Amino acid sequence: MADSEYSTSNDTSCVDSQEQSSQEAKLEFSEDEETLIIRMFNLVGERWALIAGRIPGRTAEDIEKYWNSRYSTSE
């Protein structure tokens, strides 16, 4: 029984690391996507869903995370 518990927790950590890697990969945007995000942001502001609708395969959350990591002003 201890072996199955260990195996389960080990499998979970592998899944977590894979999810984390895929999230980091999603934050890599092409130059065209970056240009479009900047242009759309200047037109509509922080309407992430509207911007994401113009970029296939991207979610509003992806766009917002990208924007905040790239252009956020922390003081």
Protein backbone atom coordinates (compact mmCIF):
# COMPACT_ATOMS: atom_id res chain seq x y z
CA MET A 1 0.00 0.00 0.00
CA ALA A 2 2.86 2.38 0.74
CA ASP A 3 4.25 1.72 -2.73
CA SER A 4 1.00 2.74 -4.43
CA GLU A 5 0.84 5.94 -2.38
CA TYR A 6 4.40 6.79 -3.36
CA SER A 7 3.67 6.01 -6.99
CA THR A 8 0.58 8.22 -6.99
CA SER A 9 2.36 11.20 -5.48
CA ASN A 10 5.26 10.73 -7.88
CA ASP A 11 2.87 10.65 -10.86
CA THR A 12 1.21 13.85 -9.64
CA SER A 13 4.50 15.71 -9.45
CA CYS A 14 5.32 14.66 -13.03
CA VAL A 15 1.97 15.98 -14.23
CA ASP A 16 2.48 19.26 -12.33
CA SER A 17 5.90 19.80 -13.93
CA GLN A 18 4.48 19.04 -17.38
CA GLU A 19 1.64 21.53 -16.85
CA GLN A 20 4.10 24.14 -15.67
CA SER A 21 6.30 23.59 -18.74
CA SER A 22 3.33 23.86 -21.09
CA GLN A 23 2.22 27.10 -19.40
CA GLU A 24 5.68 28.58 -19.84
CA ALA A 25 5.72 27.53 -23.50
CA LYS A 26 2.34 29.20 -24.05
CA LEU A 27 3.78 32.50 -22.86
CA GLU A 28 6.16 32.50 -25.80
CA PHE A 29 4.51 34.67 -28.40
CA SER A 30 5.58 35.26 -31.98
CA GLU A 31 6.57 38.72 -33.14
CA ASP A 32 3.28 39.03 -35.06
CA GLU A 33 1.30 38.08 -31.95
CA GLU A 34 3.19 40.62 -29.85
CA THR A 35 2.53 43.36 -32.39
CA LEU A 36 -1.15 42.48 -32.53
CA ILE A 37 -1.45 42.42 -28.73
CA ILE A 38 0.15 45.86 -28.46
CA ARG A 39 -2.03 47.33 -31.20
CA MET A 40 -5.20 45.81 -29.76
CA PHE A 41 -4.30 46.94 -26.24
CA ASN A 42 -3.90 50.50 -27.51
CA LEU A 43 -7.34 50.28 -29.12
CA VAL A 44 -9.39 48.44 -26.49
CA GLY A 45 -7.34 48.48 -23.30
CA GLU A 46 -7.42 45.55 -20.90
CA ARG A 47 -10.18 43.67 -22.69
CA TRP A 48 -8.16 40.45 -22.77
CA ALA A 49 -10.97 38.26 -24.11
CA LEU A 50 -11.45 40.57 -27.07
CA ILE A 51 -7.72 40.54 -27.81
CA ALA A 52 -7.51 36.75 -27.40
CA GLY A 53 -10.34 36.36 -29.88
CA ARG A 54 -8.02 37.71 -32.57
CA ILE A 55 -5.24 35.21 -31.82
CA PRO A 56 -6.13 31.56 -32.47
CA GLY A 57 -5.15 29.16 -29.70
CA ARG A 58 -4.68 31.87 -27.06
CA THR A 59 -6.91 32.49 -24.06
CA ALA A 60 -7.64 35.77 -22.35
CA GLU A 61 -5.62 34.48 -19.39
CA ASP A 62 -2.62 33.77 -21.65
CA ILE A 63 -2.75 37.29 -23.05
CA GLU A 64 -3.13 38.92 -19.65
CA LYS A 65 -0.27 36.89 -18.13
CA TYR A 66 1.94 37.74 -21.09
CA TRP A 67 1.08 41.43 -20.87
CA ASN A 68 1.66 41.61 -17.13
CA SER A 69 4.96 39.76 -17.33
CA ARG A 70 6.20 41.85 -20.23
CA TYR A 71 4.73 45.32 -19.79
CA SER A 72 3.67 45.55 -16.15
CA THR A 73 5.09 48.52 -14.26
CA SER A 74 5.92 47.51 -10.70
CA GLU A 75 6.75 50.32 -8.33
